[in-house]
Amino acid sequence: MACHTFPDVAWPRGALGPSLENFGGQGLIAGRLPNQPGVLMQFVRSAPAMVPGTAMPVMPMSDQEARDVTAYLLQLKSR
């Protein structure tokens, strides 16, 4: 979480990655992949395998954790 800023999290405020505000309203993940649940679930677990050279590391997590992160990110839309 420290790499990105989130609209509902005051601290920490990450600066390495982009803000995730309105992430659910974006068409692409990392500017390259379709922003769809199955693709996003894979991306949050193993971004380097999907976008070589990305700064986002592999994030070891269970299937349920990946589903939860995906659901959270996709609900982030402009109000």
PDB file of N, CA and C in Angstrom:
ATOM      1  N   MET A   1       0.818  -1.192   0.000  1.00  0.00           N
ATOM      2  CA  MET A   1       0.000   0.000   0.000  1.00  0.00           C
ATOM      3  C   MET A   1       0.860   1.253   0.000  1.00  0.00           C
ATOM      4  N   ALA A   2       2.068   1.177   0.437  1.00  0.00           N
ATOM      5  CA  ALA A   2       2.909   2.358   0.535  1.00  0.00           C
ATOM      6  C   ALA A   2       3.394   2.862  -0.814  1.00  0.00           C
ATOM      7  N   CYS A   3       3.149   2.116  -1.878  1.00  0.00           N
ATOM      8  CA  CYS A   3       3.607   2.543  -3.206  1.00  0.00           C
ATOM      9  C   CYS A   3       2.601   3.440  -3.915  1.00  0.00           C
ATOM     10  N   HIS A   4       1.324   3.335  -3.568  1.00  0.00           N
ATOM     11  CA  HIS A   4       0.253   4.081  -4.234  1.00  0.00           C
ATOM     12  C   HIS A   4      -0.484   4.953  -3.225  1.00  0.00           C
ATOM     13  N   THR A   5      -1.215   5.937  -3.730  1.00  0.00           N
ATOM     14  CA  THR A   5      -2.152   6.664  -2.886  1.00  0.00           C
ATOM     15  C   THR A   5      -3.541   6.110  -3.169  1.00  0.00           C
ATOM     16  N   PHE A   6      -4.342   6.044  -2.118  1.00  0.00           N
ATOM     17  CA  PHE A   6      -5.708   5.530  -2.196  1.00  0.00           C
ATOM     18  C   PHE A   6      -6.647   6.635  -1.737  1.00  0.00           C
ATOM     19  N   PRO A   7      -7.812   6.774  -2.358  1.00  0.00           N
ATOM     20  CA  PRO A   7      -8.703   7.883  -2.012  1.00  0.00           C
ATOM     21  C   PRO A   7      -9.238   7.818  -0.586  1.00  0.00           C
ATOM     22  N   ASP A   8      -9.286   6.643   0.030  1.00  0.00           N
ATOM     23  CA  ASP A   8      -9.863   6.527   1.363  1.00  0.00           C
ATOM     24  C   ASP A   8      -8.833   6.167   2.436  1.00  0.00           C
ATOM     25  N   VAL A   9      -7.548   6.329   2.126  1.00  0.00           N
ATOM     26  CA  VAL A   9      -6.485   6.027   3.077  1.00  0.00           C
ATOM     27  C   VAL A   9      -5.625   7.279   3.244  1.00  0.00           C
ATOM     28  N   ALA A  10      -5.576   7.806   4.464  1.00  0.00           N
ATOM     29  CA  ALA A  10      -4.839   9.049   4.707  1.00  0.00           C
ATOM     30  C   ALA A  10      -3.328   8.835   4.793  1.00  0.00           C
ATOM     31  N   TRP A  11      -2.923   7.667   5.299  1.00  0.00           N
ATOM     32  CA  TRP A  11      -1.512   7.405   5.468  1.00  0.00           C
ATOM     33  C   TRP A  11      -1.287   5.915   5.418  1.00  0.00           C
ATOM     34  N   PRO A  12      -0.281   5.396   4.813  1.00  0.00           N
ATOM     35  CA  PRO A  12       0.789   6.120   4.124  1.00  0.00           C
ATOM     36  C   PRO A  12       0.334   6.615   2.763  1.00  0.00           C
ATOM     37  N   ARG A  13       0.980   7.625   2.265  1.00  0.00           N
ATOM     38  CA  ARG A  13       0.705   8.198   0.947  1.00  0.00           C
ATOM     39  C   ARG A  13       1.871   7.839   0.038  1.00  0.00           C
ATOM     40  N   GLY A  14       1.738   6.771  -0.713  1.00  0.00           N
ATOM     41  CA  GLY A  14       2.814   6.317  -1.586  1.00  0.00           C
ATOM     42  C   GLY A  14       3.052   7.257  -2.742  1.00  0.00           C
ATOM     43  N   ALA A  15       4.260   7.260  -3.240  1.00  0.00           N
ATOM     44  CA  ALA A  15       4.620   8.145  -4.350  1.00  0.00           C
ATOM     45  C   ALA A  15       5.276   7.394  -5.503  1.00  0.00           C
ATOM     46  N   LEU A  16       5.606   6.132  -5.309  1.00  0.00           N
ATOM     47  CA  LEU A  16       6.270   5.386  -6.372  1.00  0.00           C
ATOM     48  C   LEU A  16       5.306   5.072  -7.515  1.00  0.00           C
ATOM     49  N   GLY A  17       4.143   4.550  -7.181  1.00  0.00           N
ATOM     50  CA  GLY A  17       3.131   4.222  -8.192  1.00  0.00           C
ATOM     51  C   GLY A  17       2.102   5.329  -8.300  1.00  0.00           C
ATOM     52  N   PRO A  18       1.247   5.249  -9.307  1.00  0.00           N
ATOM     53  CA  PRO A  18       0.220   6.287  -9.494  1.00  0.00           C
ATOM     54  C   PRO A  18      -0.882   6.195  -8.438  1.00  0.00           C
ATOM     55  N   SER A  19      -1.629   7.265  -8.306  1.00  0.00           N
ATOM     56  CA  SER A  19      -2.810   7.260  -7.450  1.00  0.00           C
ATOM     57  C   SER A  19      -3.797   6.227  -8.000  1.00  0.00           C
ATOM     58  N   LEU A  20      -4.492   5.557  -7.110  1.00  0.00           N
ATOM     59  CA  LEU A  20      -5.476   4.562  -7.536  1.00  0.00           C
ATOM     60  C   LEU A  20      -6.899   5.109  -7.480  1.00  0.00           C
ATOM     61  N   GLU A  21      -7.014   6.415  -7.279  1.00  0.00           N
ATOM     62  CA  GLU A  21      -8.327   7.048  -7.331  1.00  0.00           C
ATOM     63  C   GLU A  21      -8.908   6.833  -8.727  1.00  0.00           C
ATOM     64  N   ASN A  22     -10.144   6.420  -8.807  1.00  0.00           N
ATOM     65  CA  ASN A  22     -10.853   6.143 -10.063  1.00  0.00           C
ATOM     66  C   ASN A  22     -10.262   4.958 -10.833  1.00  0.00           C
ATOM     67  N   PHE A  23      -9.513   4.080 -10.166  1.00  0.00           N
ATOM     68  CA  PHE A  23      -8.936   2.934 -10.860  1.00  0.00           C
ATOM     69  C   PHE A  23     -10.016   2.092 -11.543  1.00  0.00           C
ATOM     70  N   GLY A  24     -11.135   1.891 -10.879  1.00  0.00           N
ATOM     71  CA  GLY A  24     -12.217   1.085 -11.453  1.00  0.00           C
ATOM     72  C   GLY A  24     -12.832   1.696 -12.701  1.00  0.00           C
ATOM     73  N   GLY A  25     -12.641   2.979 -12.908  1.00  0.00           N
ATOM     74  CA  GLY A  25     -13.172   3.647 -14.097  1.00  0.00           C
ATOM     75  C   GLY A  25     -12.185   3.707 -15.250  1.00  0.00           C
ATOM     76  N   GLN A  26     -10.979   3.190 -15.050  1.00  0.00           N
ATOM     77  CA  GLN A  26      -9.974   3.217 -16.098  1.00  0.00           C
ATOM     78  C   GLN A  26     -10.123   2.001 -17.011  1.00  0.00           C
ATOM     79  N   GLY A  27      -9.799   2.164 -18.257  1.00  0.00           N
ATOM     80  CA  GLY A  27      -9.911   1.073 -19.221  1.00  0.00           C
ATOM     81  C   GLY A  27      -8.735   0.127 -19.227  1.00  0.00           C
ATOM     82  N   LEU A  28      -7.575   0.605 -18.762  1.00  0.00           N
ATOM     83  CA  LEU A  28      -6.367  -0.213 -18.837  1.00  0.00           C
ATOM     84  C   LEU A  28      -5.662  -0.317 -17.491  1.00  0.00           C
ATOM     85  N   ILE A  29      -5.008  -1.446 -17.287  1.00  0.00           N
ATOM     86  CA  ILE A  29      -4.139  -1.670 -16.139  1.00  0.00           C
ATOM     87  C   ILE A  29      -2.717  -1.416 -16.618  1.00  0.00           C
ATOM     88  N   ALA A  30      -1.974  -0.577 -15.923  1.00  0.00           N
ATOM     89  CA  ALA A  30      -0.584  -0.256 -16.277  1.00  0.00           C
ATOM     90  C   ALA A  30      -0.474   0.264 -17.710  1.00  0.00           C
ATOM     91  N   GLY A  31      -1.554   0.846 -18.200  1.00  0.00           N
ATOM     92  CA  GLY A  31      -1.552   1.406 -19.548  1.00  0.00           C
ATOM     93  C   GLY A  31      -1.498   0.385 -20.661  1.00  0.00           C
ATOM     94  N   ARG A  32      -1.638  -0.917 -20.336  1.00  0.00           N
ATOM     95  CA  ARG A  32      -1.462  -1.954 -21.351  1.00  0.00           C
ATOM     96  C   ARG A  32      -2.498  -3.069 -21.356  1.00  0.00           C
ATOM     97  N   LEU A  33      -3.017  -3.409 -20.209  1.00  0.00           N
ATOM     98  CA  LEU A  33      -3.882  -4.584 -20.083  1.00  0.00           C
ATOM     99  C   LEU A  33      -5.325  -4.162 -19.848  1.00  0.00           C
ATOM    100  N   PRO A  34      -6.299  -4.911 -20.378  1.00  0.00           N
ATOM    101  CA  PRO A  34      -7.698  -4.548 -20.141  1.00  0.00           C
ATOM    102  C   PRO A  34      -8.041  -4.638 -18.656  1.00  0.00           C
ATOM    103  N   ASN A  35      -8.723  -3.641 -18.159  1.00  0.00           N
ATOM    104  CA  ASN A  35      -9.091  -3.593 -16.745  1.00  0.00           C
ATOM    105  C   ASN A  35     -10.320  -4.470 -16.518  1.00  0.00           C
ATOM    106  N   GLN A  36     -10.075  -5.761 -16.447  1.00  0.00           N
ATOM    107  CA  GLN A  36     -11.112  -6.759 -16.234  1.00  0.00           C
ATOM    108  C   GLN A  36     -10.743  -7.571 -14.996  1.00  0.00           C
ATOM    109  N   PRO A  37     -11.732  -8.087 -14.266  1.00  0.00           N
ATOM    110  CA  PRO A  37     -11.448  -8.772 -13.011  1.00  0.00           C
ATOM    111  C   PRO A  37     -10.402  -9.891 -13.109  1.00  0.00           C
ATOM    112  N   GLY A  38     -10.513 -10.787 -14.057  1.00  0.00           N
ATOM    113  CA  GLY A  38      -9.559 -11.887 -14.167  1.00  0.00           C
ATOM    114  C   GLY A  38      -8.151 -11.421 -14.452  1.00  0.00           C
ATOM    115  N   VAL A  39      -8.027 -10.433 -15.314  1.00  0.00           N
ATOM    116  CA  VAL A  39      -6.708  -9.881 -15.651  1.00  0.00           C
ATOM    117  C   VAL A  39      -6.131  -9.153 -14.448  1.00  0.00           C
ATOM    118  N   LEU A  40      -6.959  -8.364 -13.788  1.00  0.00           N
ATOM    119  CA  LEU A  40      -6.492  -7.609 -12.616  1.00  0.00           C
ATOM    120  C   LEU A  40      -6.069  -8.546 -11.490  1.00  0.00           C
ATOM    121  N   MET A  41      -6.811  -9.612 -11.284  1.00  0.00           N
ATOM    122  CA  MET A  41      -6.457 -10.562 -10.231  1.00  0.00           C
ATOM    123  C   MET A  41      -5.068 -11.148 -10.485  1.00  0.00           C
ATOM    124  N   GLN A  42      -4.775 -11.480 -11.731  1.00  0.00           N
ATOM    125  CA  GLN A  42      -3.443 -11.995 -12.070  1.00  0.00           C
ATOM    126  C   GLN A  42      -2.385 -10.910 -11.894  1.00  0.00           C
ATOM    127  N   PHE A  43      -2.708  -9.697 -12.323  1.00  0.00           N
ATOM    128  CA  PHE A  43      -1.762  -8.585 -12.261  1.00  0.00           C
ATOM    129  C   PHE A  43      -1.368  -8.253 -10.826  1.00  0.00           C
ATOM    130  N   VAL A  44      -2.345  -8.195  -9.901  1.00  0.00           N
ATOM    131  CA  VAL A  44      -2.002  -7.817  -8.529  1.00  0.00           C
ATOM    132  C   VAL A  44      -1.117  -8.863  -7.857  1.00  0.00           C
ATOM    133  N   ARG A  45      -1.177 -10.083  -8.323  1.00  0.00           N
ATOM    134  CA  ARG A  45      -0.341 -11.144  -7.757  1.00  0.00           C
ATOM    135  C   ARG A  45       1.035 -11.204  -8.405  1.00  0.00           C
ATOM    136  N   SER A  46       1.089 -10.988  -9.716  1.00  0.00           N
ATOM    137  CA  SER A  46       2.352 -11.175 -10.426  1.00  0.00           C
ATOM    138  C   SER A  46       2.493 -10.180 -11.573  1.00  0.00           C
ATOM    139  N   ALA A  47       2.557  -8.914 -11.235  1.00  0.00           N
ATOM    140  CA  ALA A  47       2.667  -7.862 -12.251  1.00  0.00           C
ATOM    141  C   ALA A  47       3.863  -8.038 -13.185  1.00  0.00           C
ATOM    142  N   PRO A  48       5.053  -8.397 -12.696  1.00  0.00           N
ATOM    143  CA  PRO A  48       6.202  -8.519 -13.597  1.00  0.00           C
ATOM    144  C   PRO A  48       6.025  -9.579 -14.685  1.00  0.00           C
ATOM    145  N   ALA A  49       5.239 -10.615 -14.403  1.00  0.00           N
ATOM    146  CA  ALA A  49       4.991 -11.644 -15.416  1.00  0.00           C
ATOM    147  C   ALA A  49       4.093 -11.120 -16.531  1.00  0.00           C
ATOM    148  N   MET A  50       3.285 -10.133 -16.211  1.00  0.00           N
ATOM    149  CA  MET A  50       2.341  -9.598 -17.193  1.00  0.00           C
ATOM    150  C   MET A  50       2.860  -8.347 -17.878  1.00  0.00           C
ATOM    151  N   VAL A  51       3.638  -7.556 -17.158  1.00  0.00           N
ATOM    152  CA  VAL A  51       4.215  -6.325 -17.707  1.00  0.00           C
ATOM    153  C   VAL A  51       5.701  -6.302 -17.318  1.00  0.00           C
ATOM    154  N   PRO A  52       6.534  -6.952 -18.125  1.00  0.00           N
ATOM    155  CA  PRO A  52       7.967  -6.980 -17.806  1.00  0.00           C
ATOM    156  C   PRO A  52       8.529  -5.564 -17.644  1.00  0.00           C
ATOM    157  N   GLY A  53       9.369  -5.416 -16.639  1.00  0.00           N
ATOM    158  CA  GLY A  53       9.984  -4.117 -16.392  1.00  0.00           C
ATOM    159  C   GLY A  53       9.190  -3.234 -15.449  1.00  0.00           C
ATOM    160  N   THR A  54       8.001  -3.665 -15.042  1.00  0.00           N
ATOM    161  CA  THR A  54       7.210  -2.856 -14.115  1.00  0.00           C
ATOM    162  C   THR A  54       7.917  -2.740 -12.771  1.00  0.00           C
ATOM    163  N   ALA A  55       7.666  -1.663 -12.066  1.00  0.00           N
ATOM    164  CA  ALA A  55       8.236  -1.488 -10.726  1.00  0.00           C
ATOM    165  C   ALA A  55       7.419  -2.243  -9.676  1.00  0.00           C
ATOM    166  N   MET A  56       6.225  -2.677 -10.041  1.00  0.00           N
ATOM    167  CA  MET A  56       5.377  -3.386  -9.078  1.00  0.00           C
ATOM    168  C   MET A  56       5.921  -4.794  -8.862  1.00  0.00           C
ATOM    169  N   PRO A  57       6.138  -5.153  -7.610  1.00  0.00           N
ATOM    170  CA  PRO A  57       6.714  -6.468  -7.320  1.00  0.00           C
ATOM    171  C   PRO A  57       5.670  -7.579  -7.336  1.00  0.00           C
ATOM    172  N   VAL A  58       6.132  -8.807  -7.306  1.00  0.00           N
ATOM    173  CA  VAL A  58       5.254  -9.953  -7.088  1.00  0.00           C
ATOM    174  C   VAL A  58       4.669  -9.809  -5.685  1.00  0.00           C
ATOM    175  N   MET A  59       3.387 -10.044  -5.563  1.00  0.00           N
ATOM    176  CA  MET A  59       2.702  -9.917  -4.279  1.00  0.00           C
ATOM    177  C   MET A  59       2.126 -11.279  -3.905  1.00  0.00           C
ATOM    178  N   PRO A  60       2.840 -12.045  -3.096  1.00  0.00           N
ATOM    179  CA  PRO A  60       2.324 -13.364  -2.714  1.00  0.00           C
ATOM    180  C   PRO A  60       1.034 -13.221  -1.910  1.00  0.00           C
ATOM    181  N   MET A  61      -0.046 -13.762  -2.430  1.00  0.00           N
ATOM    182  CA  MET A  61      -1.325 -13.710  -1.736  1.00  0.00           C
ATOM    183  C   MET A  61      -2.176 -14.891  -2.159  1.00  0.00           C
ATOM    184  N   SER A  62      -3.127 -15.231  -1.331  1.00  0.00           N
ATOM    185  CA  SER A  62      -4.035 -16.330  -1.627  1.00  0.00           C
ATOM    186  C   SER A  62      -5.024 -15.906  -2.711  1.00  0.00           C
ATOM    187  N   ASP A  63      -5.750 -16.877  -3.241  1.00  0.00           N
ATOM    188  CA  ASP A  63      -6.792 -16.564  -4.218  1.00  0.00           C
ATOM    189  C   ASP A  63      -7.812 -15.606  -3.620  1.00  0.00           C
ATOM    190  N   GLN A  64      -8.213 -15.856  -2.368  1.00  0.00           N
ATOM    191  CA  GLN A  64      -9.199 -14.988  -1.730  1.00  0.00           C
ATOM    192  C   GLN A  64      -8.661 -13.570  -1.547  1.00  0.00           C
ATOM    193  N   GLU A  65      -7.430 -13.444  -1.139  1.00  0.00           N
ATOM    194  CA  GLU A  65      -6.837 -12.114  -0.992  1.00  0.00           C
ATOM    195  C   GLU A  65      -6.780 -11.399  -2.339  1.00  0.00           C
ATOM    196  N   ALA A  66      -6.419 -12.090  -3.382  1.00  0.00           N
ATOM    197  CA  ALA A  66      -6.369 -11.492  -4.722  1.00  0.00           C
ATOM    198  C   ALA A  66      -7.771 -11.076  -5.173  1.00  0.00           C
ATOM    199  N   ARG A  67      -8.782 -11.888  -4.872  1.00  0.00           N
ATOM    200  CA  ARG A  67     -10.167 -11.506  -5.211  1.00  0.00           C
ATOM    201  C   ARG A  67     -10.579 -10.263  -4.437  1.00  0.00           C
ATOM    202  N   ASP A  68     -10.214 -10.197  -3.158  1.00  0.00           N
ATOM    203  CA  ASP A  68     -10.569  -9.043  -2.330  1.00  0.00           C
ATOM    204  C   ASP A  68      -9.901  -7.764  -2.835  1.00  0.00           C
ATOM    205  N   VAL A  69      -8.615  -7.841  -3.158  1.00  0.00           N
ATOM    206  CA  VAL A  69      -7.898  -6.675  -3.685  1.00  0.00           C
ATOM    207  C   VAL A  69      -8.522  -6.241  -5.011  1.00  0.00           C
ATOM    208  N   THR A  70      -8.825  -7.201  -5.869  1.00  0.00           N
ATOM    209  CA  THR A  70      -9.438  -6.901  -7.160  1.00  0.00           C
ATOM    210  C   THR A  70     -10.782  -6.209  -6.970  1.00  0.00           C
ATOM    211  N   ALA A  71     -11.620  -6.740  -6.101  1.00  0.00           N
ATOM    212  CA  ALA A  71     -12.932  -6.138  -5.846  1.00  0.00           C
ATOM    213  C   ALA A  71     -12.779  -4.716  -5.321  1.00  0.00           C
ATOM    214  N   TYR A  72     -11.845  -4.514  -4.392  1.00  0.00           N
ATOM    215  CA  TYR A  72     -11.609  -3.173  -3.857  1.00  0.00           C
ATOM    216  C   TYR A  72     -11.193  -2.203  -4.959  1.00  0.00           C
ATOM    217  N   LEU A  73     -10.215  -2.604  -5.760  1.00  0.00           N
ATOM    218  CA  LEU A  73      -9.697  -1.707  -6.807  1.00  0.00           C
ATOM    219  C   LEU A  73     -10.780  -1.376  -7.836  1.00  0.00           C
ATOM    220  N   LEU A  74     -11.576  -2.349  -8.212  1.00  0.00           N
ATOM    221  CA  LEU A  74     -12.601  -2.105  -9.234  1.00  0.00           C
ATOM    222  C   LEU A  74     -13.739  -1.220  -8.743  1.00  0.00           C
ATOM    223  N   GLN A  75     -13.934  -1.128  -7.445  1.00  0.00           N
ATOM    224  CA  GLN A  75     -15.004  -0.249  -6.934  1.00  0.00           C
ATOM    225  C   GLN A  75     -14.521   1.195  -6.781  1.00  0.00           C
ATOM    226  N   LEU A  76     -13.239   1.446  -6.978  1.00  0.00           N
ATOM    227  CA  LEU A  76     -12.719   2.812  -6.884  1.00  0.00           C
ATOM    228  C   LEU A  76     -13.075   3.582  -8.147  1.00  0.00           C
ATOM    229  N   LYS A  77     -14.146   4.360  -8.075  1.00  0.00           N
ATOM    230  CA  LYS A  77     -14.614   5.134  -9.216  1.00  0.00           C
ATOM    231  C   LYS A  77     -14.943   6.542  -8.768  1.00  0.00           C
ATOM    232  N   SER A  78     -14.874   7.469  -9.702  1.00  0.00           N
ATOM    233  CA  SER A  78     -15.208   8.859  -9.380  1.00  0.00           C
ATOM    234  C   SER A  78     -16.619   8.927  -8.830  1.00  0.00           C
ATOM    235  N   ARG A  79     -16.773   9.748  -7.830  1.00  0.00           N
ATOM    236  CA  ARG A  79     -18.108   9.869  -7.190  1.00  0.00           C
ATOM    237  C   ARG A  79     -18.871  11.014  -7.751  1.00  0.00           C
TER     238      ARG A  79
END
